[in-house]
Amino acid sequence: MRNRILSKHIGIVAVGSGLMGASIYLLMINVTLAHIEAVSGHVPFDMRPFGYGPIEAATLLEALGVEGRAYYLSHQIALDTLYPFMLTLTLIATICWFGQRMPNRKLVRFSIAFSVGSALFDYVENLGIVAIIWSWPEIFVPLVYATSSATILKSALTTLAVLLTLLAGLIGHVSLKQTFVHR
């Protein structure tokens, strides 16, 4: 009984946070990040999964100008403060929902760890971007490399967390099918 109630609620959390997270992501992609790219002619920091160096950072910040840098801080960073939490909540709720039917919980633990790591590195990335923009026109090279590393790690961990969640869904689905076949 308790597991059925938990299953129902965790599913609602997964779907609800997923819808909210997807809405924030679409807003960022179609509005704030699109605006930053349109103003600067360059890909924003957030959308460079393989990182960037000091020259790319300086080129983007110079092209953004004063208003573009202020927009990055006030609009993009504001939304990207909400998004990592919503994505992580979605992934954790979904993996727990799927994981209820899995015989081995190791995949669930790895997915949760990658989800939390993804959010942490997204927040480190955001703090780094804020520091890079605030320090402009100076470019503190170690800060750029640290922020770029956070971007790369965020991208890798997000990809792994999503793939493991999908794998858990597939394994859970197969386990559920086998349960009904053996009855």
N, C-alpha and C. Protein backbone atom coordinates (compact mmCIF):
# COMPACT_ATOMS: atom_id res chain seq x y z
N MET A 1 0.83 -1.20 0.00
CA MET A 1 0.00 0.00 0.00
C MET A 1 0.87 1.26 0.00
N ARG A 2 1.85 1.28 0.93
CA ARG A 2 2.72 2.46 1.04
C ARG A 2 3.51 2.69 -0.26
N ASN A 3 4.00 1.59 -0.86
CA ASN A 3 4.76 1.72 -2.10
C ASN A 3 3.88 2.24 -3.24
N ARG A 4 2.61 1.84 -3.25
CA ARG A 4 1.70 2.31 -4.29
C ARG A 4 1.44 3.80 -4.15
N ILE A 5 1.29 4.27 -2.92
CA ILE A 5 1.09 5.69 -2.67
C ILE A 5 2.34 6.47 -3.06
N LEU A 6 3.51 5.97 -2.65
CA LEU A 6 4.78 6.61 -3.01
C LEU A 6 4.95 6.64 -4.52
N SER A 7 4.63 5.52 -5.17
CA SER A 7 4.74 5.43 -6.62
C SER A 7 3.88 6.48 -7.31
N LYS A 8 2.66 6.65 -6.82
CA LYS A 8 1.75 7.63 -7.41
C LYS A 8 2.28 9.05 -7.23
N HIS A 9 2.76 9.37 -6.03
CA HIS A 9 3.24 10.72 -5.76
C HIS A 9 4.56 11.03 -6.45
N ILE A 10 5.44 10.05 -6.51
CA ILE A 10 6.73 10.30 -7.16
C ILE A 10 6.52 10.51 -8.66
N GLY A 11 5.53 9.84 -9.21
CA GLY A 11 5.20 10.05 -10.62
C GLY A 11 4.68 11.45 -10.88
N ILE A 12 3.84 11.94 -9.96
CA ILE A 12 3.31 13.30 -10.09
C ILE A 12 4.44 14.32 -9.98
N VAL A 13 5.36 14.10 -9.05
CA VAL A 13 6.52 14.99 -8.90
C VAL A 13 7.37 14.96 -10.17
N ALA A 14 7.60 13.76 -10.71
CA ALA A 14 8.41 13.63 -11.92
C ALA A 14 7.79 14.39 -13.10
N VAL A 15 6.51 14.19 -13.29
CA VAL A 15 5.82 14.84 -14.41
C VAL A 15 5.72 16.36 -14.19
N GLY A 16 5.32 16.76 -12.98
CA GLY A 16 5.17 18.19 -12.70
C GLY A 16 6.48 18.95 -12.80
N SER A 17 7.53 18.43 -12.19
CA SER A 17 8.82 19.11 -12.26
C SER A 17 9.38 19.05 -13.67
N GLY A 18 9.08 17.96 -14.37
CA GLY A 18 9.52 17.85 -15.77
C GLY A 18 8.89 18.92 -16.65
N LEU A 19 7.60 19.15 -16.45
CA LEU A 19 6.91 20.19 -17.23
C LEU A 19 7.45 21.58 -16.90
N MET A 20 7.69 21.82 -15.60
CA MET A 20 8.24 23.12 -15.20
C MET A 20 9.67 23.30 -15.72
N GLY A 21 10.47 22.26 -15.59
CA GLY A 21 11.85 22.31 -16.08
C GLY A 21 11.91 22.51 -17.59
N ALA A 22 11.05 21.78 -18.31
CA ALA A 22 11.01 21.91 -19.77
C ALA A 22 10.58 23.32 -20.18
N SER A 23 9.64 23.90 -19.43
CA SER A 23 9.19 25.27 -19.73
C SER A 23 10.34 26.27 -19.54
N ILE A 24 11.07 26.11 -18.46
CA ILE A 24 12.22 27.00 -18.21
C ILE A 24 13.27 26.81 -19.30
N TYR A 25 13.55 25.56 -19.65
CA TYR A 25 14.55 25.27 -20.69
C TYR A 25 14.14 25.89 -22.03
N LEU A 26 12.88 25.71 -22.40
CA LEU A 26 12.41 26.30 -23.66
C LEU A 26 12.48 27.82 -23.63
N LEU A 27 12.17 28.42 -22.50
CA LEU A 27 12.29 29.87 -22.35
C LEU A 27 13.74 30.32 -22.51
N MET A 28 14.65 29.58 -21.91
CA MET A 28 16.06 29.94 -22.05
C MET A 28 16.53 29.79 -23.50
N ILE A 29 16.22 28.64 -24.11
CA ILE A 29 16.68 28.38 -25.48
C ILE A 29 16.08 29.37 -26.47
N ASN A 30 14.78 29.60 -26.37
CA ASN A 30 14.09 30.42 -27.37
C ASN A 30 14.09 31.91 -27.08
N VAL A 31 14.39 32.30 -25.84
CA VAL A 31 14.34 33.73 -25.51
C VAL A 31 15.71 34.23 -25.05
N THR A 32 16.13 33.85 -23.84
CA THR A 32 17.33 34.48 -23.28
C THR A 32 18.61 34.09 -24.02
N LEU A 33 18.83 32.81 -24.22
CA LEU A 33 20.05 32.40 -24.92
C LEU A 33 20.02 32.82 -26.39
N ALA A 34 18.83 32.76 -26.99
CA ALA A 34 18.70 33.23 -28.38
C ALA A 34 18.99 34.72 -28.48
N HIS A 35 18.54 35.49 -27.50
CA HIS A 35 18.80 36.94 -27.48
C HIS A 35 20.30 37.21 -27.32
N ILE A 36 20.93 36.50 -26.41
CA ILE A 36 22.37 36.68 -26.19
C ILE A 36 23.15 36.37 -27.47
N GLU A 37 22.77 35.30 -28.14
CA GLU A 37 23.44 34.95 -29.39
C GLU A 37 23.15 35.96 -30.50
N ALA A 38 21.92 36.46 -30.56
CA ALA A 38 21.56 37.44 -31.59
C ALA A 38 22.31 38.76 -31.37
N VAL A 39 22.42 39.19 -30.13
CA VAL A 39 23.10 40.44 -29.81
C VAL A 39 24.60 40.35 -30.07
N SER A 40 25.19 39.22 -29.69
CA SER A 40 26.65 39.08 -29.76
C SER A 40 27.16 38.43 -31.04
N GLY A 41 26.32 37.61 -31.67
CA GLY A 41 26.79 36.85 -32.82
C GLY A 41 27.63 35.64 -32.40
N HIS A 42 27.62 35.32 -31.10
CA HIS A 42 28.41 34.21 -30.57
C HIS A 42 27.54 33.32 -29.68
N VAL A 43 27.95 32.06 -29.57
CA VAL A 43 27.25 31.10 -28.72
C VAL A 43 27.50 31.47 -27.25
N PRO A 44 26.45 31.56 -26.44
CA PRO A 44 26.62 31.87 -25.01
C PRO A 44 27.43 30.78 -24.28
N PHE A 45 28.00 31.15 -23.16
CA PHE A 45 28.81 30.22 -22.37
C PHE A 45 28.04 28.93 -22.07
N ASP A 46 26.79 29.07 -21.69
CA ASP A 46 25.95 27.94 -21.26
C ASP A 46 25.79 26.87 -22.34
N MET A 47 25.92 27.26 -23.59
CA MET A 47 25.65 26.36 -24.71
C MET A 47 26.93 25.86 -25.39
N ARG A 48 28.01 25.83 -24.65
CA ARG A 48 29.28 25.34 -25.18
C ARG A 48 29.71 24.10 -24.39
N PRO A 49 29.14 22.94 -24.72
CA PRO A 49 29.39 21.74 -23.92
C PRO A 49 30.85 21.29 -23.92
N PHE A 50 31.63 21.75 -24.88
CA PHE A 50 33.04 21.36 -24.94
C PHE A 50 33.95 22.47 -24.41
N GLY A 51 33.34 23.49 -23.80
CA GLY A 51 34.10 24.53 -23.13
C GLY A 51 34.51 25.68 -24.03
N TYR A 52 35.37 26.51 -23.47
CA TYR A 52 35.83 27.73 -24.13
C TYR A 52 37.08 28.20 -23.41
N GLY A 53 37.80 29.07 -24.07
CA GLY A 53 39.02 29.62 -23.48
C GLY A 53 38.88 31.12 -23.27
N PRO A 54 39.94 31.75 -22.80
CA PRO A 54 39.90 33.19 -22.52
C PRO A 54 39.61 34.05 -23.75
N ILE A 55 40.10 33.63 -24.91
CA ILE A 55 39.86 34.42 -26.13
C ILE A 55 38.38 34.38 -26.50
N GLU A 56 37.77 33.18 -26.43
CA GLU A 56 36.33 33.06 -26.74
C GLU A 56 35.50 33.83 -25.72
N ALA A 57 35.90 33.79 -24.46
CA ALA A 57 35.17 34.52 -23.42
C ALA A 57 35.24 36.02 -23.67
N ALA A 58 36.44 36.52 -23.97
CA ALA A 58 36.61 37.95 -24.23
C ALA A 58 35.84 38.38 -25.48
N THR A 59 35.86 37.55 -26.50
CA THR A 59 35.14 37.87 -27.74
C THR A 59 33.65 37.98 -27.48
N LEU A 60 33.09 37.03 -26.72
CA LEU A 60 31.66 37.05 -26.40
C LEU A 60 31.32 38.28 -25.56
N LEU A 61 32.09 38.53 -24.52
CA LEU A 61 31.78 39.66 -23.63
C LEU A 61 31.91 41.00 -24.34
N GLU A 62 32.91 41.14 -25.17
CA GLU A 62 33.08 42.38 -25.94
C GLU A 62 31.90 42.58 -26.88
N ALA A 63 31.51 41.52 -27.58
CA ALA A 63 30.40 41.61 -28.54
C ALA A 63 29.06 41.88 -27.85
N LEU A 64 28.90 41.43 -26.61
CA LEU A 64 27.64 41.65 -25.89
C LEU A 64 27.44 43.12 -25.54
N GLY A 65 28.53 43.81 -25.26
CA GLY A 65 28.40 45.20 -24.84
C GLY A 65 27.82 45.29 -23.43
N VAL A 66 27.67 46.51 -22.94
CA VAL A 66 27.20 46.74 -21.58
C VAL A 66 25.79 46.17 -21.38
N GLU A 67 24.89 46.48 -22.31
CA GLU A 67 23.51 46.03 -22.16
C GLU A 67 23.39 44.51 -22.27
N GLY A 68 24.14 43.90 -23.17
CA GLY A 68 24.10 42.45 -23.34
C GLY A 68 24.64 41.72 -22.12
N ARG A 69 25.70 42.25 -21.53
CA ARG A 69 26.24 41.64 -20.31
C ARG A 69 25.25 41.78 -19.15
N ALA A 70 24.60 42.93 -19.06
CA ALA A 70 23.58 43.12 -18.02
C ALA A 70 22.40 42.17 -18.24
N TYR A 71 22.01 41.97 -19.50
CA TYR A 71 20.93 41.04 -19.82
C TYR A 71 21.31 39.61 -19.43
N TYR A 72 22.54 39.24 -19.71
CA TYR A 72 23.01 37.89 -19.36
C TYR A 72 22.83 37.66 -17.86
N LEU A 73 23.23 38.65 -17.06
CA LEU A 73 23.14 38.53 -15.60
C LEU A 73 21.69 38.54 -15.12
N SER A 74 20.90 39.47 -15.64
CA SER A 74 19.55 39.67 -15.10
C SER A 74 18.53 38.67 -15.63
N HIS A 75 18.72 38.17 -16.84
CA HIS A 75 17.72 37.29 -17.43
C HIS A 75 18.19 35.82 -17.49
N GLN A 76 19.32 35.59 -18.16
CA GLN A 76 19.78 34.21 -18.33
C GLN A 76 20.20 33.57 -17.02
N ILE A 77 21.02 34.26 -16.25
CA ILE A 77 21.48 33.68 -14.99
C ILE A 77 20.30 33.50 -14.03
N ALA A 78 19.36 34.41 -14.05
CA ALA A 78 18.18 34.27 -13.19
C ALA A 78 17.40 32.99 -13.52
N LEU A 79 17.15 32.75 -14.80
CA LEU A 79 16.46 31.53 -15.20
C LEU A 79 17.30 30.29 -14.91
N ASP A 80 18.61 30.41 -15.15
CA ASP A 80 19.49 29.26 -14.97
C ASP A 80 19.78 28.98 -13.49
N THR A 81 19.23 29.79 -12.62
CA THR A 81 19.28 29.50 -11.19
C THR A 81 18.16 28.52 -10.84
N LEU A 82 17.05 28.61 -11.55
CA LEU A 82 15.92 27.70 -11.33
C LEU A 82 16.09 26.37 -12.06
N TYR A 83 16.63 26.43 -13.27
CA TYR A 83 16.65 25.25 -14.14
C TYR A 83 17.41 24.05 -13.56
N PRO A 84 18.62 24.19 -13.03
CA PRO A 84 19.33 22.99 -12.54
C PRO A 84 18.54 22.26 -11.45
N PHE A 85 17.89 23.02 -10.57
CA PHE A 85 17.09 22.39 -9.52
C PHE A 85 15.93 21.60 -10.13
N MET A 86 15.23 22.21 -11.09
CA MET A 86 14.08 21.54 -11.70
C MET A 86 14.51 20.30 -12.49
N LEU A 87 15.63 20.39 -13.20
CA LEU A 87 16.12 19.23 -13.95
C LEU A 87 16.50 18.11 -12.99
N THR A 88 17.20 18.46 -11.92
CA THR A 88 17.63 17.44 -10.95
C THR A 88 16.42 16.80 -10.26
N LEU A 89 15.46 17.61 -9.87
CA LEU A 89 14.25 17.07 -9.25
C LEU A 89 13.54 16.13 -10.22
N THR A 90 13.46 16.53 -11.48
CA THR A 90 12.82 15.69 -12.50
C THR A 90 13.55 14.36 -12.65
N LEU A 91 14.87 14.43 -12.79
CA LEU A 91 15.64 13.21 -13.00
C LEU A 91 15.58 12.29 -11.78
N ILE A 92 15.71 12.85 -10.59
CA ILE A 92 15.68 12.02 -9.38
C ILE A 92 14.30 11.39 -9.20
N ALA A 93 13.25 12.18 -9.36
CA ALA A 93 11.90 11.64 -9.21
C ALA A 93 11.64 10.56 -10.26
N THR A 94 12.08 10.81 -11.48
CA THR A 94 11.86 9.84 -12.56
C THR A 94 12.63 8.55 -12.31
N ILE A 95 13.89 8.68 -11.93
CA ILE A 95 14.70 7.48 -11.68
C ILE A 95 14.14 6.69 -10.49
N CYS A 96 13.67 7.39 -9.48
CA CYS A 96 13.07 6.68 -8.34
C CYS A 96 11.76 6.01 -8.74
N TRP A 97 11.00 6.67 -9.58
CA TRP A 97 9.74 6.12 -10.09
C TRP A 97 10.01 4.84 -10.89
N PHE A 98 10.96 4.94 -11.84
CA PHE A 98 11.33 3.78 -12.64
C PHE A 98 12.02 2.71 -11.80
N GLY A 99 12.84 3.17 -10.87
CA GLY A 99 13.67 2.27 -10.09
C GLY A 99 12.91 1.37 -9.14
N GLN A 100 11.66 1.69 -8.88
CA GLN A 100 10.85 0.86 -7.99
C GLN A 100 10.70 -0.56 -8.51
N ARG A 101 10.79 -0.71 -9.81
CA ARG A 101 10.60 -2.03 -10.41
C ARG A 101 11.92 -2.73 -10.74
N MET A 102 13.03 -2.10 -10.38
CA MET A 102 14.33 -2.66 -10.74
C MET A 102 14.86 -3.56 -9.63
N PRO A 103 15.39 -4.72 -10.03
CA PRO A 103 15.95 -5.62 -9.02
C PRO A 103 17.26 -5.08 -8.43
N ASN A 104 18.04 -4.38 -9.22
CA ASN A 104 19.33 -3.85 -8.76
C ASN A 104 19.24 -2.33 -8.66
N ARG A 105 19.47 -1.77 -7.49
CA ARG A 105 19.31 -0.33 -7.26
C ARG A 105 20.58 0.47 -7.55
N LYS A 106 21.66 -0.19 -7.98
CA LYS A 106 22.92 0.50 -8.23
C LYS A 106 22.76 1.56 -9.33
N LEU A 107 22.02 1.23 -10.38
CA LEU A 107 21.77 2.18 -11.47
C LEU A 107 21.04 3.41 -10.95
N VAL A 108 20.11 3.21 -10.04
CA VAL A 108 19.35 4.31 -9.45
C VAL A 108 20.31 5.24 -8.69
N ARG A 109 21.20 4.66 -7.89
CA ARG A 109 22.14 5.48 -7.12
C ARG A 109 23.08 6.27 -8.03
N PHE A 110 23.59 5.63 -9.09
CA PHE A 110 24.48 6.34 -10.02
C PHE A 110 23.75 7.49 -10.71
N SER A 111 22.53 7.23 -11.14
CA SER A 111 21.76 8.28 -11.81
C SER A 111 21.49 9.46 -10.89
N ILE A 112 21.17 9.18 -9.65
CA ILE A 112 20.93 10.26 -8.68
C ILE A 112 22.22 11.04 -8.46
N ALA A 113 23.34 10.34 -8.30
CA ALA A 113 24.63 11.02 -8.09
C ALA A 113 24.98 11.90 -9.29
N PHE A 114 24.78 11.39 -10.50
CA PHE A 114 25.08 12.19 -11.69
C PHE A 114 24.14 13.39 -11.81
N SER A 115 22.88 13.20 -11.43
CA SER A 115 21.91 14.30 -11.48
C SER A 115 22.30 15.42 -10.52
N VAL A 116 22.65 15.05 -9.31
CA VAL A 116 23.06 16.06 -8.31
C VAL A 116 24.37 16.72 -8.76
N GLY A 117 25.31 15.93 -9.26
CA GLY A 117 26.57 16.50 -9.76
C GLY A 117 26.34 17.47 -10.90
N SER A 118 25.43 17.14 -11.78
CA SER A 118 25.09 18.03 -12.90
C SER A 118 24.61 19.38 -12.40
N ALA A 119 23.71 19.36 -11.42
CA ALA A 119 23.19 20.62 -10.86
C ALA A 119 24.30 21.40 -10.18
N LEU A 120 25.12 20.72 -9.40
CA LEU A 120 26.21 21.42 -8.69
C LEU A 120 27.15 22.11 -9.68
N PHE A 121 27.53 21.40 -10.73
CA PHE A 121 28.42 22.01 -11.72
C PHE A 121 27.73 23.11 -12.52
N ASP A 122 26.41 23.00 -12.71
CA ASP A 122 25.67 24.08 -13.37
C ASP A 122 25.70 25.34 -12.50
N TYR A 123 25.55 25.17 -11.19
CA TYR A 123 25.63 26.33 -10.29
C TYR A 123 27.04 26.90 -10.23
N VAL A 124 28.06 26.05 -10.26
CA VAL A 124 29.45 26.53 -10.30
C VAL A 124 29.67 27.30 -11.61
N GLU A 125 29.15 26.76 -12.71
CA GLU A 125 29.25 27.44 -14.00
C GLU A 125 28.59 28.83 -13.91
N ASN A 126 27.39 28.90 -13.35
CA ASN A 126 26.69 30.18 -13.24
C ASN A 126 27.49 31.19 -12.41
N LEU A 127 28.02 30.73 -11.29
CA LEU A 127 28.83 31.63 -10.46
C LEU A 127 30.06 32.10 -11.22
N GLY A 128 30.67 31.20 -11.97
CA GLY A 128 31.83 31.58 -12.78
C GLY A 128 31.48 32.60 -13.85
N ILE A 129 30.36 32.39 -14.52
CA ILE A 129 29.92 33.34 -15.56
C ILE A 129 29.68 34.72 -14.94
N VAL A 130 29.02 34.74 -13.79
CA VAL A 130 28.78 36.01 -13.10
C VAL A 130 30.12 36.69 -12.78
N ALA A 131 31.06 35.92 -12.25
CA ALA A 131 32.37 36.49 -11.90
C ALA A 131 33.13 36.98 -13.14
N ILE A 132 33.04 36.24 -14.23
CA ILE A 132 33.71 36.66 -15.47
C ILE A 132 33.10 37.96 -15.98
N ILE A 133 31.77 38.05 -15.96
CA ILE A 133 31.11 39.28 -16.44
C ILE A 133 31.43 40.45 -15.53
N TRP A 134 31.38 40.24 -14.23
CA TRP A 134 31.67 41.33 -13.29
C TRP A 134 33.11 41.81 -13.40
N SER A 135 34.02 40.92 -13.72
CA SER A 135 35.43 41.33 -13.79
C SER A 135 35.79 41.97 -15.13
N TRP A 136 34.89 41.91 -16.10
CA TRP A 136 35.14 42.51 -17.41
C TRP A 136 35.44 43.99 -17.26
N PRO A 137 36.41 44.58 -17.92
CA PRO A 137 37.13 44.10 -19.10
C PRO A 137 38.37 43.26 -18.78
N GLU A 138 38.62 43.01 -17.53
CA GLU A 138 39.73 42.11 -17.18
C GLU A 138 39.28 40.68 -17.43
N ILE A 139 40.19 39.86 -17.91
CA ILE A 139 39.92 38.44 -18.07
C ILE A 139 40.90 37.70 -17.17
N PHE A 140 40.36 37.07 -16.13
CA PHE A 140 41.17 36.28 -15.21
C PHE A 140 41.20 34.86 -15.77
N VAL A 141 42.29 34.51 -16.43
CA VAL A 141 42.40 33.26 -17.18
C VAL A 141 42.05 32.02 -16.35
N PRO A 142 42.56 31.88 -15.11
CA PRO A 142 42.17 30.68 -14.34
C PRO A 142 40.66 30.60 -14.08
N LEU A 143 40.02 31.74 -13.90
CA LEU A 143 38.57 31.75 -13.69
C LEU A 143 37.84 31.26 -14.94
N VAL A 144 38.29 31.70 -16.11
CA VAL A 144 37.66 31.25 -17.36
C VAL A 144 37.82 29.75 -17.52
N TYR A 145 39.03 29.24 -17.27
CA TYR A 145 39.25 27.80 -17.40
C TYR A 145 38.45 27.01 -16.36
N ALA A 146 38.35 27.51 -15.16
CA ALA A 146 37.56 26.83 -14.12
C ALA A 146 36.08 26.81 -14.51
N THR A 147 35.57 27.93 -15.00
CA THR A 147 34.17 28.02 -15.42
C THR A 147 33.91 27.11 -16.62
N SER A 148 34.84 27.12 -17.57
CA SER A 148 34.72 26.26 -18.73
C SER A 148 34.73 24.78 -18.32
N SER A 149 35.57 24.43 -17.36
CA SER A 149 35.61 23.05 -16.85
C SER A 149 34.27 22.68 -16.21
N ALA A 150 33.68 23.62 -15.48
CA ALA A 150 32.37 23.37 -14.88
C ALA A 150 31.32 23.15 -15.98
N THR A 151 31.41 23.91 -17.06
CA THR A 151 30.48 23.75 -18.19
C THR A 151 30.62 22.35 -18.79
N ILE A 152 31.86 21.93 -19.00
CA ILE A 152 32.11 20.60 -19.58
C ILE A 152 31.58 19.51 -18.66
N LEU A 153 31.90 19.60 -17.37
CA LEU A 153 31.45 18.60 -16.40
C LEU A 153 29.93 18.58 -16.27
N LYS A 154 29.32 19.76 -16.27
CA LYS A 154 27.85 19.85 -16.22
C LYS A 154 27.25 19.14 -17.42
N SER A 155 27.80 19.39 -18.60
CA SER A 155 27.28 18.78 -19.82
C SER A 155 27.43 17.27 -19.79
N ALA A 156 28.59 16.79 -19.38
CA ALA A 156 28.84 15.34 -19.34
C ALA A 156 27.95 14.66 -18.30
N LEU A 157 27.85 15.24 -17.11
CA LEU A 157 27.03 14.63 -16.06
C LEU A 157 25.55 14.66 -16.40
N THR A 158 25.10 15.74 -17.03
CA THR A 158 23.70 15.82 -17.45
C THR A 158 23.40 14.73 -18.47
N THR A 159 24.28 14.58 -19.44
CA THR A 159 24.09 13.55 -20.46
C THR A 159 24.05 12.16 -19.83
N LEU A 160 24.98 11.88 -18.93
CA LEU A 160 25.01 10.57 -18.25
C LEU A 160 23.75 10.36 -17.41
N ALA A 161 23.33 11.38 -16.68
CA ALA A 161 22.14 11.26 -15.83
C ALA A 161 20.90 10.97 -16.66
N VAL A 162 20.75 11.67 -17.77
CA VAL A 162 19.59 11.45 -18.64
C VAL A 162 19.64 10.05 -19.25
N LEU A 163 20.81 9.65 -19.73
CA LEU A 163 20.93 8.31 -20.33
C LEU A 163 20.66 7.21 -19.31
N LEU A 164 21.17 7.36 -18.09
CA LEU A 164 20.91 6.36 -17.06
C LEU A 164 19.44 6.33 -16.66
N THR A 165 18.80 7.48 -16.65
CA THR A 165 17.37 7.53 -16.34
C THR A 165 16.57 6.82 -17.43
N LEU A 166 16.93 7.06 -18.68
CA LEU A 166 16.25 6.35 -19.78
C LEU A 166 16.51 4.85 -19.70
N LEU A 167 17.74 4.47 -19.38
CA LEU A 167 18.06 3.06 -19.23
C LEU A 167 17.26 2.44 -18.09
N ALA A 168 17.14 3.14 -16.99
CA ALA A 168 16.34 2.65 -15.87
C ALA A 168 14.88 2.47 -16.28
N GLY A 169 14.37 3.40 -17.08
CA GLY A 169 13.00 3.28 -17.58
C GLY A 169 12.85 2.04 -18.44
N LEU A 170 13.82 1.79 -19.27
CA LEU A 170 13.78 0.61 -20.14
C LEU A 170 13.86 -0.68 -19.31
N ILE A 171 14.80 -0.71 -18.37
CA ILE A 171 14.94 -1.90 -17.51
C ILE A 171 13.69 -2.10 -16.67
N GLY A 172 13.15 -1.01 -16.12
CA GLY A 172 11.92 -1.10 -15.34
C GLY A 172 10.76 -1.61 -16.16
N HIS A 173 10.68 -1.15 -17.40
CA HIS A 173 9.61 -1.59 -18.31
C HIS A 173 9.74 -3.09 -18.60
N VAL A 174 10.96 -3.54 -18.88
CA VAL A 174 11.20 -4.95 -19.17
C VAL A 174 10.89 -5.79 -17.93
N SER A 175 11.30 -5.31 -16.74
CA SER A 175 11.02 -6.04 -15.49
C SER A 175 9.52 -6.15 -15.25
N LEU A 176 8.80 -5.07 -15.53
CA LEU A 176 7.35 -5.08 -15.36
C LEU A 176 6.70 -6.08 -16.32
N LYS A 177 7.16 -6.10 -17.58
CA LYS A 177 6.63 -7.04 -18.56
C LYS A 177 6.86 -8.48 -18.13
N GLN A 178 8.07 -8.75 -17.62
CA GLN A 178 8.40 -10.09 -17.18
C GLN A 178 7.55 -10.52 -16.00
N THR A 179 7.24 -9.56 -15.13
CA THR A 179 6.39 -9.86 -13.98
C THR A 179 5.01 -10.32 -14.44
N PHE A 180 4.44 -9.65 -15.44
CA PHE A 180 3.12 -10.01 -15.93
C PHE A 180 3.15 -11.31 -16.73
N VAL A 181 4.25 -11.59 -17.42
CA VAL A 181 4.36 -12.82 -18.21
C VAL A 181 4.44 -14.03 -17.29
N HIS A 182 5.14 -13.89 -16.15
CA HIS A 182 5.33 -15.01 -15.23
C HIS A 182 4.13 -15.25 -14.33
N ARG A 183 3.13 -14.44 -14.37
CA ARG A 183 1.94 -14.63 -13.51
C ARG A 183 1.01 -15.59 -14.10
